[in-house]
Amino acid sequence: MNKGFKQGGSLDKLMKQAQKMQVNLQKAQDVARTFKADGTSGGGAVKVVATGENLIESIKIRKDAVDPSDVEILEEMILAAANEALKNVQIKVENELSKVTGGLNIPGLT
């Protein structure tokens, strides 16, 4: 009978720890949503800013990067900068969440 009580106590403690971790994880996710990171290409000719929600917030293109006769180059620079920005913000988000998860890779968190 005592063993059952001890196990119940351990389970209660485990549940409280899980609830605390869930609250902390939600706070970390809220913070991570506010993150921003940029990516550049073409020697800074194109700059893209992404948010922690994996959205593109802005795209800046220097005038000298626009060549009407070679639109493909500009498209490639935008794509490269956007991918870099998204990758950089994802790294920031993962670092923030790992503070709560202790580095555990929990599917669906990022």
PDB file of N, CA and C in Angstrom:
ATOM      1  N   MET A   1       0.820  -1.189   0.000  1.00  0.00           N
ATOM      2  CA  MET A   1       0.000   0.000   0.000  1.00  0.00           C
ATOM      3  C   MET A   1       0.867   1.256   0.000  1.00  0.00           C
ATOM      4  N   ASN A   2       1.916   1.257   0.806  1.00  0.00           N
ATOM      5  CA  ASN A   2       2.796   2.409   0.836  1.00  0.00           C
ATOM      6  C   ASN A   2       3.486   2.628  -0.509  1.00  0.00           C
ATOM      7  N   LYS A   3       3.820   1.519  -1.174  1.00  0.00           N
ATOM      8  CA  LYS A   3       4.470   1.655  -2.479  1.00  0.00           C
ATOM      9  C   LYS A   3       3.573   2.390  -3.458  1.00  0.00           C
ATOM     10  N   GLY A   4       2.296   2.057  -3.438  1.00  0.00           N
ATOM     11  CA  GLY A   4       1.350   2.738  -4.320  1.00  0.00           C
ATOM     12  C   GLY A   4       1.295   4.220  -4.030  1.00  0.00           C
ATOM     13  N   PHE A   5       1.347   4.584  -2.767  1.00  0.00           N
ATOM     14  CA  PHE A   5       1.312   5.992  -2.394  1.00  0.00           C
ATOM     15  C   PHE A   5       2.567   6.707  -2.869  1.00  0.00           C
ATOM     16  N   LYS A   6       3.712   6.069  -2.685  1.00  0.00           N
ATOM     17  CA  LYS A   6       4.964   6.678  -3.130  1.00  0.00           C
ATOM     18  C   LYS A   6       4.970   6.866  -4.641  1.00  0.00           C
ATOM     19  N   GLN A   7       4.492   5.866  -5.350  1.00  0.00           N
ATOM     20  CA  GLN A   7       4.443   5.995  -6.805  1.00  0.00           C
ATOM     21  C   GLN A   7       3.488   7.111  -7.198  1.00  0.00           C
ATOM     22  N   GLY A   8       2.369   7.203  -6.501  1.00  0.00           N
ATOM     23  CA  GLY A   8       1.421   8.274  -6.781  1.00  0.00           C
ATOM     24  C   GLY A   8       2.042   9.631  -6.527  1.00  0.00           C
ATOM     25  N   GLY A   9       2.820   9.736  -5.444  1.00  0.00           N
ATOM     26  CA  GLY A   9       3.513  10.984  -5.143  1.00  0.00           C
ATOM     27  C   GLY A   9       4.519  11.333  -6.224  1.00  0.00           C
ATOM     28  N   SER A  10       5.230  10.341  -6.706  1.00  0.00           N
ATOM     29  CA  SER A  10       6.202  10.565  -7.777  1.00  0.00           C
ATOM     30  C   SER A  10       5.505  10.985  -9.059  1.00  0.00           C
ATOM     31  N   LEU A  11       4.367  10.369  -9.315  1.00  0.00           N
ATOM     32  CA  LEU A  11       3.606  10.720 -10.511  1.00  0.00           C
ATOM     33  C   LEU A  11       3.096  12.150 -10.412  1.00  0.00           C
ATOM     34  N   ASP A  12       2.644  12.526  -9.221  1.00  0.00           N
ATOM     35  CA  ASP A  12       2.164  13.893  -9.007  1.00  0.00           C
ATOM     36  C   ASP A  12       3.296  14.893  -9.238  1.00  0.00           C
ATOM     37  N   LYS A  13       4.469  14.564  -8.713  1.00  0.00           N
ATOM     38  CA  LYS A  13       5.633  15.434  -8.896  1.00  0.00           C
ATOM     39  C   LYS A  13       5.998  15.540 -10.378  1.00  0.00           C
ATOM     40  N   LEU A  14       5.955  14.413 -11.060  1.00  0.00           N
ATOM     41  CA  LEU A  14       6.262  14.384 -12.488  1.00  0.00           C
ATOM     42  C   LEU A  14       5.258  15.219 -13.280  1.00  0.00           C
ATOM     43  N   MET A  15       3.989  15.117 -12.921  1.00  0.00           N
ATOM     44  CA  MET A  15       2.951  15.896 -13.607  1.00  0.00           C
ATOM     45  C   MET A  15       3.154  17.393 -13.385  1.00  0.00           C
ATOM     46  N   LYS A  16       3.531  17.775 -12.167  1.00  0.00           N
ATOM     47  CA  LYS A  16       3.778  19.191 -11.878  1.00  0.00           C
ATOM     48  C   LYS A  16       4.973  19.701 -12.680  1.00  0.00           C
ATOM     49  N   GLN A  17       6.013  18.870 -12.789  1.00  0.00           N
ATOM     50  CA  GLN A  17       7.182  19.252 -13.582  1.00  0.00           C
ATOM     51  C   GLN A  17       6.807  19.406 -15.054  1.00  0.00           C
ATOM     52  N   ALA A  18       5.978  18.500 -15.550  1.00  0.00           N
ATOM     53  CA  ALA A  18       5.540  18.568 -16.949  1.00  0.00           C
ATOM     54  C   ALA A  18       4.707  19.824 -17.190  1.00  0.00           C
ATOM     55  N   GLN A  19       3.842  20.157 -16.244  1.00  0.00           N
ATOM     56  CA  GLN A  19       3.028  21.370 -16.385  1.00  0.00           C
ATOM     57  C   GLN A  19       3.902  22.615 -16.363  1.00  0.00           C
ATOM     58  N   LYS A  20       4.899  22.625 -15.479  1.00  0.00           N
ATOM     59  CA  LYS A  20       5.816  23.763 -15.400  1.00  0.00           C
ATOM     60  C   LYS A  20       6.597  23.905 -16.706  1.00  0.00           C
ATOM     61  N   MET A  21       7.051  22.767 -17.235  1.00  0.00           N
ATOM     62  CA  MET A  21       7.789  22.794 -18.498  1.00  0.00           C
ATOM     63  C   MET A  21       6.893  23.303 -19.624  1.00  0.00           C
ATOM     64  N   GLN A  22       5.631  22.906 -19.617  1.00  0.00           N
ATOM     65  CA  GLN A  22       4.700  23.353 -20.653  1.00  0.00           C
ATOM     66  C   GLN A  22       4.511  24.866 -20.585  1.00  0.00           C
ATOM     67  N   VAL A  23       4.377  25.410 -19.381  1.00  0.00           N
ATOM     68  CA  VAL A  23       4.236  26.860 -19.215  1.00  0.00           C
ATOM     69  C   VAL A  23       5.498  27.565 -19.703  1.00  0.00           C
ATOM     70  N   ASN A  24       6.660  27.055 -19.295  1.00  0.00           N
ATOM     71  CA  ASN A  24       7.928  27.660 -19.718  1.00  0.00           C
ATOM     72  C   ASN A  24       8.119  27.565 -21.223  1.00  0.00           C
ATOM     73  N   LEU A  25       7.696  26.461 -21.796  1.00  0.00           N
ATOM     74  CA  LEU A  25       7.806  26.278 -23.235  1.00  0.00           C
ATOM     75  C   LEU A  25       6.913  27.270 -23.975  1.00  0.00           C
ATOM     76  N   GLN A  26       5.712  27.484 -23.473  1.00  0.00           N
ATOM     77  CA  GLN A  26       4.809  28.452 -24.093  1.00  0.00           C
ATOM     78  C   GLN A  26       5.404  29.859 -24.034  1.00  0.00           C
ATOM     79  N   LYS A  27       6.019  30.199 -22.897  1.00  0.00           N
ATOM     80  CA  LYS A  27       6.671  31.507 -22.766  1.00  0.00           C
ATOM     81  C   LYS A  27       7.812  31.633 -23.774  1.00  0.00           C
ATOM     82  N   ALA A  28       8.609  30.578 -23.901  1.00  0.00           N
ATOM     83  CA  ALA A  28       9.729  30.597 -24.849  1.00  0.00           C
ATOM     84  C   ALA A  28       9.226  30.726 -26.284  1.00  0.00           C
ATOM     85  N   GLN A  29       8.131  30.042 -26.604  1.00  0.00           N
ATOM     86  CA  GLN A  29       7.560  30.153 -27.950  1.00  0.00           C
ATOM     87  C   GLN A  29       7.050  31.569 -28.200  1.00  0.00           C
ATOM     88  N   ASP A  30       6.447  32.184 -27.191  1.00  0.00           N
ATOM     89  CA  ASP A  30       5.969  33.560 -27.333  1.00  0.00           C
ATOM     90  C   ASP A  30       7.135  34.511 -27.587  1.00  0.00           C
ATOM     91  N   VAL A  31       8.226  34.312 -26.852  1.00  0.00           N
ATOM     92  CA  VAL A  31       9.419  35.135 -27.055  1.00  0.00           C
ATOM     93  C   VAL A  31       9.984  34.895 -28.452  1.00  0.00           C
ATOM     94  N   ALA A  32      10.067  33.636 -28.845  1.00  0.00           N
ATOM     95  CA  ALA A  32      10.645  33.284 -30.146  1.00  0.00           C
ATOM     96  C   ALA A  32       9.865  33.907 -31.301  1.00  0.00           C
ATOM     97  N   ARG A  33       8.560  34.065 -31.129  1.00  0.00           N
ATOM     98  CA  ARG A  33       7.750  34.677 -32.194  1.00  0.00           C
ATOM     99  C   ARG A  33       8.158  36.127 -32.459  1.00  0.00           C
ATOM    100  N   THR A  34       8.770  36.767 -31.479  1.00  0.00           N
ATOM    101  CA  THR A  34       9.171  38.168 -31.636  1.00  0.00           C
ATOM    102  C   THR A  34      10.533  38.312 -32.308  1.00  0.00           C
ATOM    103  N   PHE A  35      11.232  37.209 -32.492  1.00  0.00           N
ATOM    104  CA  PHE A  35      12.564  37.261 -33.090  1.00  0.00           C
ATOM    105  C   PHE A  35      12.500  37.712 -34.541  1.00  0.00           C
ATOM    106  N   LYS A  36      13.593  38.327 -34.964  1.00  0.00           N
ATOM    107  CA  LYS A  36      13.767  38.694 -36.365  1.00  0.00           C
ATOM    108  C   LYS A  36      15.200  38.361 -36.746  1.00  0.00           C
ATOM    109  N   ALA A  37      15.384  38.010 -38.000  1.00  0.00           N
ATOM    110  CA  ALA A  37      16.723  37.756 -38.524  1.00  0.00           C
ATOM    111  C   ALA A  37      16.726  38.159 -39.985  1.00  0.00           C
ATOM    112  N   ASP A  38      17.903  38.536 -40.459  1.00  0.00           N
ATOM    113  CA  ASP A  38      17.972  38.944 -41.858  1.00  0.00           C
ATOM    114  C   ASP A  38      18.886  38.023 -42.640  1.00  0.00           C
ATOM    115  N   GLY A  39      18.713  38.116 -43.924  1.00  0.00           N
ATOM    116  CA  GLY A  39      19.562  37.409 -44.869  1.00  0.00           C
ATOM    117  C   GLY A  39      19.880  38.369 -45.999  1.00  0.00           C
ATOM    118  N   THR A  40      21.073  38.265 -46.524  1.00  0.00           N
ATOM    119  CA  THR A  40      21.472  39.145 -47.624  1.00  0.00           C
ATOM    120  C   THR A  40      22.071  38.326 -48.752  1.00  0.00           C
ATOM    121  N   SER A  41      22.094  38.928 -49.914  1.00  0.00           N
ATOM    122  CA  SER A  41      22.750  38.306 -51.064  1.00  0.00           C
ATOM    123  C   SER A  41      23.197  39.405 -52.006  1.00  0.00           C
ATOM    124  N   GLY A  42      23.997  39.009 -52.971  1.00  0.00           N
ATOM    125  CA  GLY A  42      24.495  39.981 -53.940  1.00  0.00           C
ATOM    126  C   GLY A  42      25.335  41.061 -53.294  1.00  0.00           C
ATOM    127  N   GLY A  43      26.114  40.676 -52.280  1.00  0.00           N
ATOM    128  CA  GLY A  43      26.958  41.656 -51.605  1.00  0.00           C
ATOM    129  C   GLY A  43      26.147  42.724 -50.890  1.00  0.00           C
ATOM    130  N   GLY A  44      24.978  42.359 -50.415  1.00  0.00           N
ATOM    131  CA  GLY A  44      24.114  43.306 -49.714  1.00  0.00           C
ATOM    132  C   GLY A  44      23.120  44.007 -50.618  1.00  0.00           C
ATOM    133  N   ALA A  45      23.094  43.628 -51.885  1.00  0.00           N
ATOM    134  CA  ALA A  45      22.157  44.253 -52.825  1.00  0.00           C
ATOM    135  C   ALA A  45      20.713  43.918 -52.475  1.00  0.00           C
ATOM    136  N   VAL A  46      20.508  42.743 -51.876  1.00  0.00           N
ATOM    137  CA  VAL A  46      19.172  42.317 -51.456  1.00  0.00           C
ATOM    138  C   VAL A  46      19.243  41.939 -49.980  1.00  0.00           C
ATOM    139  N   LYS A  47      18.290  42.468 -49.214  1.00  0.00           N
ATOM    140  CA  LYS A  47      18.203  42.142 -47.789  1.00  0.00           C
ATOM    141  C   LYS A  47      16.763  41.754 -47.479  1.00  0.00           C
ATOM    142  N   VAL A  48      16.613  40.607 -46.797  1.00  0.00           N
ATOM    143  CA  VAL A  48      15.294  40.107 -46.419  1.00  0.00           C
ATOM    144  C   VAL A  48      15.279  39.922 -44.904  1.00  0.00           C
ATOM    145  N   VAL A  49      14.182  40.343 -44.276  1.00  0.00           N
ATOM    146  CA  VAL A  49      14.002  40.154 -42.838  1.00  0.00           C
ATOM    147  C   VAL A  49      12.863  39.159 -42.629  1.00  0.00           C
ATOM    148  N   ALA A  50      13.141  38.136 -41.810  1.00  0.00           N
ATOM    149  CA  ALA A  50      12.140  37.118 -41.473  1.00  0.00           C
ATOM    150  C   ALA A  50      11.837  37.191 -39.982  1.00  0.00           C
ATOM    151  N   THR A  51      10.634  36.753 -39.612  1.00  0.00           N
ATOM    152  CA  THR A  51      10.224  36.761 -38.209  1.00  0.00           C
ATOM    153  C   THR A  51      10.271  35.353 -37.629  1.00  0.00           C
ATOM    154  N   GLY A  52      10.156  35.276 -36.323  1.00  0.00           N
ATOM    155  CA  GLY A  52      10.131  34.001 -35.625  1.00  0.00           C
ATOM    156  C   GLY A  52       8.910  33.163 -35.948  1.00  0.00           C
ATOM    157  N   GLU A  53       7.963  33.736 -36.662  1.00  0.00           N
ATOM    158  CA  GLU A  53       6.789  32.989 -37.116  1.00  0.00           C
ATOM    159  C   GLU A  53       6.973  32.488 -38.543  1.00  0.00           C
ATOM    160  N   ASN A  54       8.228  32.551 -39.023  1.00  0.00           N
ATOM    161  CA  ASN A  54       8.583  32.110 -40.376  1.00  0.00           C
ATOM    162  C   ASN A  54       7.844  32.882 -41.456  1.00  0.00           C
ATOM    163  N   LEU A  55       7.710  34.171 -41.232  1.00  0.00           N
ATOM    164  CA  LEU A  55       7.115  35.058 -42.226  1.00  0.00           C
ATOM    165  C   LEU A  55       8.177  36.040 -42.699  1.00  0.00           C
ATOM    166  N   ILE A  56       8.089  36.417 -43.958  1.00  0.00           N
ATOM    167  CA  ILE A  56       8.983  37.444 -44.484  1.00  0.00           C
ATOM    168  C   ILE A  56       8.376  38.795 -44.123  1.00  0.00           C
ATOM    169  N   GLU A  57       9.135  39.591 -43.381  1.00  0.00           N
ATOM    170  CA  GLU A  57       8.639  40.892 -42.932  1.00  0.00           C
ATOM    171  C   GLU A  57       8.947  41.997 -43.933  1.00  0.00           C
ATOM    172  N   SER A  58      10.133  41.931 -44.524  1.00  0.00           N
ATOM    173  CA  SER A  58      10.482  42.979 -45.483  1.00  0.00           C
ATOM    174  C   SER A  58      11.535  42.482 -46.467  1.00  0.00           C
ATOM    175  N   ILE A  59      11.547  43.135 -47.610  1.00  0.00           N
ATOM    176  CA  ILE A  59      12.552  42.889 -48.645  1.00  0.00           C
ATOM    177  C   ILE A  59      13.045  44.250 -49.110  1.00  0.00           C
ATOM    178  N   LYS A  60      14.344  44.443 -49.060  1.00  0.00           N
ATOM    179  CA  LYS A  60      14.963  45.683 -49.533  1.00  0.00           C
ATOM    180  C   LYS A  60      15.889  45.338 -50.693  1.00  0.00           C
ATOM    181  N   ILE A  61      15.768  46.094 -51.768  1.00  0.00           N
ATOM    182  CA  ILE A  61      16.588  45.866 -52.955  1.00  0.00           C
ATOM    183  C   ILE A  61      17.240  47.185 -53.342  1.00  0.00           C
ATOM    184  N   ARG A  62      18.567  47.173 -53.425  1.00  0.00           N
ATOM    185  CA  ARG A  62      19.268  48.381 -53.878  1.00  0.00           C
ATOM    186  C   ARG A  62      18.955  48.620 -55.347  1.00  0.00           C
ATOM    187  N   LYS A  63      18.873  49.863 -55.715  1.00  0.00           N
ATOM    188  CA  LYS A  63      18.536  50.218 -57.099  1.00  0.00           C
ATOM    189  C   LYS A  63      19.526  49.635 -58.101  1.00  0.00           C
ATOM    190  N   ASP A  64      20.795  49.572 -57.717  1.00  0.00           N
ATOM    191  CA  ASP A  64      21.793  49.058 -58.654  1.00  0.00           C
ATOM    192  C   ASP A  64      21.674  47.546 -58.869  1.00  0.00           C
ATOM    193  N   ALA A  65      20.827  46.873 -58.083  1.00  0.00           N
ATOM    194  CA  ALA A  65      20.619  45.432 -58.261  1.00  0.00           C
ATOM    195  C   ALA A  65      19.560  45.134 -59.309  1.00  0.00           C
ATOM    196  N   VAL A  66      18.855  46.164 -59.741  1.00  0.00           N
ATOM    197  CA  VAL A  66      17.759  45.970 -60.694  1.00  0.00           C
ATOM    198  C   VAL A  66      18.273  46.185 -62.112  1.00  0.00           C
ATOM    199  N   ASP A  67      18.279  45.103 -62.872  1.00  0.00           N
ATOM    200  CA  ASP A  67      18.664  45.152 -64.283  1.00  0.00           C
ATOM    201  C   ASP A  67      17.513  44.533 -65.075  1.00  0.00           C
ATOM    202  N   PRO A  68      16.714  45.369 -65.739  1.00  0.00           N
ATOM    203  CA  PRO A  68      15.550  44.845 -66.461  1.00  0.00           C
ATOM    204  C   PRO A  68      15.890  43.760 -67.481  1.00  0.00           C
ATOM    205  N   SER A  69      17.118  43.742 -67.958  1.00  0.00           N
ATOM    206  CA  SER A  69      17.483  42.732 -68.947  1.00  0.00           C
ATOM    207  C   SER A  69      17.905  41.406 -68.305  1.00  0.00           C
ATOM    208  N   ASP A  70      18.022  41.383 -66.962  1.00  0.00           N
ATOM    209  CA  ASP A  70      18.441  40.154 -66.284  1.00  0.00           C
ATOM    210  C   ASP A  70      17.667  39.979 -64.971  1.00  0.00           C
ATOM    211  N   VAL A  71      16.379  39.820 -65.093  1.00  0.00           N
ATOM    212  CA  VAL A  71      15.498  39.672 -63.934  1.00  0.00           C
ATOM    213  C   VAL A  71      15.817  38.393 -63.158  1.00  0.00           C
ATOM    214  N   GLU A  72      16.279  37.360 -63.834  1.00  0.00           N
ATOM    215  CA  GLU A  72      16.558  36.086 -63.182  1.00  0.00           C
ATOM    216  C   GLU A  72      17.596  36.228 -62.071  1.00  0.00           C
ATOM    217  N   ILE A  73      18.598  37.048 -62.287  1.00  0.00           N
ATOM    218  CA  ILE A  73      19.627  37.258 -61.260  1.00  0.00           C
ATOM    219  C   ILE A  73      18.993  37.861 -60.013  1.00  0.00           C
ATOM    220  N   LEU A  74      18.136  38.852 -60.190  1.00  0.00           N
ATOM    221  CA  LEU A  74      17.461  39.473 -59.057  1.00  0.00           C
ATOM    222  C   LEU A  74      16.579  38.455 -58.330  1.00  0.00           C
ATOM    223  N   GLU A  75      15.863  37.641 -59.089  1.00  0.00           N
ATOM    224  CA  GLU A  75      15.022  36.604 -58.481  1.00  0.00           C
ATOM    225  C   GLU A  75      15.862  35.650 -57.638  1.00  0.00           C
ATOM    226  N   GLU A  76      17.014  35.259 -58.150  1.00  0.00           N
ATOM    227  CA  GLU A  76      17.905  34.355 -57.420  1.00  0.00           C
ATOM    228  C   GLU A  76      18.439  35.010 -56.149  1.00  0.00           C
ATOM    229  N   MET A  77      18.765  36.302 -56.238  1.00  0.00           N
ATOM    230  CA  MET A  77      19.264  37.006 -55.055  1.00  0.00           C
ATOM    231  C   MET A  77      18.178  37.112 -53.983  1.00  0.00           C
ATOM    232  N   ILE A  78      16.946  37.387 -54.393  1.00  0.00           N
ATOM    233  CA  ILE A  78      15.837  37.474 -53.437  1.00  0.00           C
ATOM    234  C   ILE A  78      15.616  36.120 -52.772  1.00  0.00           C
ATOM    235  N   LEU A  79      15.607  35.083 -53.566  1.00  0.00           N
ATOM    236  CA  LEU A  79      15.410  33.734 -53.033  1.00  0.00           C
ATOM    237  C   LEU A  79      16.517  33.360 -52.051  1.00  0.00           C
ATOM    238  N   ALA A  80      17.753  33.643 -52.405  1.00  0.00           N
ATOM    239  CA  ALA A  80      18.883  33.313 -51.531  1.00  0.00           C
ATOM    240  C   ALA A  80      18.802  34.087 -50.220  1.00  0.00           C
ATOM    241  N   ALA A  81      18.482  35.364 -50.295  1.00  0.00           N
ATOM    242  CA  ALA A  81      18.381  36.179 -49.082  1.00  0.00           C
ATOM    243  C   ALA A  81      17.219  35.724 -48.205  1.00  0.00           C
ATOM    244  N   ALA A  82      16.094  35.387 -48.822  1.00  0.00           N
ATOM    245  CA  ALA A  82      14.929  34.923 -48.059  1.00  0.00           C
ATOM    246  C   ALA A  82      15.234  33.604 -47.353  1.00  0.00           C
ATOM    247  N   ASN A  83      15.856  32.686 -48.057  1.00  0.00           N
ATOM    248  CA  ASN A  83      16.209  31.396 -47.449  1.00  0.00           C
ATOM    249  C   ASN A  83      17.193  31.577 -46.298  1.00  0.00           C
ATOM    250  N   GLU A  84      18.147  32.473 -46.470  1.00  0.00           N
ATOM    251  CA  GLU A  84      19.115  32.740 -45.405  1.00  0.00           C
ATOM    252  C   GLU A  84      18.424  33.355 -44.188  1.00  0.00           C
ATOM    253  N   ALA A  85      17.529  34.301 -44.417  1.00  0.00           N
ATOM    254  CA  ALA A  85      16.810  34.939 -43.308  1.00  0.00           C
ATOM    255  C   ALA A  85      15.974  33.922 -42.544  1.00  0.00           C
ATOM    256  N   LEU A  86      15.262  33.069 -43.268  1.00  0.00           N
ATOM    257  CA  LEU A  86      14.437  32.048 -42.616  1.00  0.00           C
ATOM    258  C   LEU A  86      15.296  31.061 -41.828  1.00  0.00           C
ATOM    259  N   LYS A  87      16.436  30.687 -42.392  1.00  0.00           N
ATOM    260  CA  LYS A  87      17.348  29.776 -41.696  1.00  0.00           C
ATOM    261  C   LYS A  87      17.886  30.433 -40.425  1.00  0.00           C
ATOM    262  N   ASN A  88      18.274  31.702 -40.531  1.00  0.00           N
ATOM    263  CA  ASN A  88      18.829  32.405 -39.379  1.00  0.00           C
ATOM    264  C   ASN A  88      17.810  32.571 -38.254  1.00  0.00           C
ATOM    265  N   VAL A  89      16.574  32.888 -38.605  1.00  0.00           N
ATOM    266  CA  VAL A  89      15.560  33.046 -37.556  1.00  0.00           C
ATOM    267  C   VAL A  89      15.216  31.690 -36.949  1.00  0.00           C
ATOM    268  N   GLN A  90      15.240  30.635 -37.743  1.00  0.00           N
ATOM    269  CA  GLN A  90      14.969  29.291 -37.225  1.00  0.00           C
ATOM    270  C   GLN A  90      16.023  28.884 -36.206  1.00  0.00           C
ATOM    271  N   ILE A  91      17.265  29.235 -36.457  1.00  0.00           N
ATOM    272  CA  ILE A  91      18.347  28.941 -35.511  1.00  0.00           C
ATOM    273  C   ILE A  91      18.094  29.672 -34.197  1.00  0.00           C
ATOM    274  N   LYS A  92      17.687  30.936 -34.272  1.00  0.00           N
ATOM    275  CA  LYS A  92      17.381  31.699 -33.057  1.00  0.00           C
ATOM    276  C   LYS A  92      16.239  31.057 -32.276  1.00  0.00           C
ATOM    277  N   VAL A  93      15.198  30.648 -32.984  1.00  0.00           N
ATOM    278  CA  VAL A  93      14.039  30.019 -32.342  1.00  0.00           C
ATOM    279  C   VAL A  93      14.457  28.710 -31.673  1.00  0.00           C
ATOM    280  N   GLU A  94      15.211  27.882 -32.381  1.00  0.00           N
ATOM    281  CA  GLU A  94      15.660  26.607 -31.819  1.00  0.00           C
ATOM    282  C   GLU A  94      16.516  26.817 -30.576  1.00  0.00           C
ATOM    283  N   ASN A  95      17.379  27.830 -30.606  1.00  0.00           N
ATOM    284  CA  ASN A  95      18.216  28.121 -29.442  1.00  0.00           C
ATOM    285  C   ASN A  95      17.365  28.536 -28.246  1.00  0.00           C
ATOM    286  N   GLU A  96      16.346  29.350 -28.484  1.00  0.00           N
ATOM    287  CA  GLU A  96      15.462  29.788 -27.403  1.00  0.00           C
ATOM    288  C   GLU A  96      14.697  28.603 -26.811  1.00  0.00           C
ATOM    289  N   LEU A  97      14.155  27.754 -27.670  1.00  0.00           N
ATOM    290  CA  LEU A  97      13.373  26.615 -27.187  1.00  0.00           C
ATOM    291  C   LEU A  97      14.246  25.580 -26.484  1.00  0.00           C
ATOM    292  N   SER A  98      15.500  25.456 -26.912  1.00  0.00           N
ATOM    293  CA  SER A  98      16.384  24.468 -26.276  1.00  0.00           C
ATOM    294  C   SER A  98      16.715  24.861 -24.840  1.00  0.00           C
ATOM    295  N   LYS A  99      16.550  26.139 -24.502  1.00  0.00           N
ATOM    296  CA  LYS A  99      16.747  26.562 -23.111  1.00  0.00           C
ATOM    297  C   LYS A  99      15.726  25.884 -22.201  1.00  0.00           C
ATOM    298  N   VAL A 100      14.543  25.630 -22.729  1.00  0.00           N
ATOM    299  CA  VAL A 100      13.475  25.001 -21.949  1.00  0.00           C
ATOM    300  C   VAL A 100      13.542  23.482 -22.048  1.00  0.00           C
ATOM    301  N   THR A 101      13.824  22.989 -23.238  1.00  0.00           N
ATOM    302  CA  THR A 101      13.790  21.536 -23.456  1.00  0.00           C
ATOM    303  C   THR A 101      15.097  20.856 -23.084  1.00  0.00           C
ATOM    304  N   GLY A 102      16.102  21.639 -22.739  1.00  0.00           N
ATOM    305  CA  GLY A 102      17.388  21.050 -22.386  1.00  0.00           C
ATOM    306  C   GLY A 102      18.080  20.413 -23.573  1.00  0.00           C
ATOM    307  N   GLY A 103      17.779  20.899 -24.761  1.00  0.00           N
ATOM    308  CA  GLY A 103      18.396  20.377 -25.964  1.00  0.00           C
ATOM    309  C   GLY A 103      17.684  19.184 -26.568  1.00  0.00           C
ATOM    310  N   LEU A 104      16.611  18.717 -25.927  1.00  0.00           N
ATOM    311  CA  LEU A 104      15.849  17.606 -26.501  1.00  0.00           C
ATOM    312  C   LEU A 104      15.177  18.065 -27.780  1.00  0.00           C
ATOM    313  N   ASN A 105      15.223  17.246 -28.777  1.00  0.00           N
ATOM    314  CA  ASN A 105      14.568  17.564 -30.042  1.00  0.00           C
ATOM    315  C   ASN A 105      13.145  17.023 -29.987  1.00  0.00           C
ATOM    316  N   ILE A 106      12.199  17.913 -29.684  1.00  0.00           N
ATOM    317  CA  ILE A 106      10.802  17.514 -29.568  1.00  0.00           C
ATOM    318  C   ILE A 106      10.096  17.885 -30.866  1.00  0.00           C
ATOM    319  N   PRO A 107       9.618  16.907 -31.612  1.00  0.00           N
ATOM    320  CA  PRO A 107       8.978  17.183 -32.903  1.00  0.00           C
ATOM    321  C   PRO A 107       7.797  18.142 -32.761  1.00  0.00           C
ATOM    322  N   GLY A 108       7.705  19.055 -33.723  1.00  0.00           N
ATOM    323  CA  GLY A 108       6.573  19.969 -33.765  1.00  0.00           C
ATOM    324  C   GLY A 108       6.760  21.257 -32.993  1.00  0.00           C
ATOM    325  N   LEU A 109       7.899  21.435 -32.322  1.00  0.00           N
ATOM    326  CA  LEU A 109       8.091  22.654 -31.545  1.00  0.00           C
ATOM    327  C   LEU A 109       8.571  23.817 -32.382  1.00  0.00           C
ATOM    328  N   THR A 110       9.300  23.548 -33.434  1.00  0.00           N
ATOM    329  CA  THR A 110       9.836  24.656 -34.221  1.00  0.00           C
ATOM    330  C   THR A 110       9.176  24.726 -35.558  1.00  0.00           C
TER     331      THR A 110
END
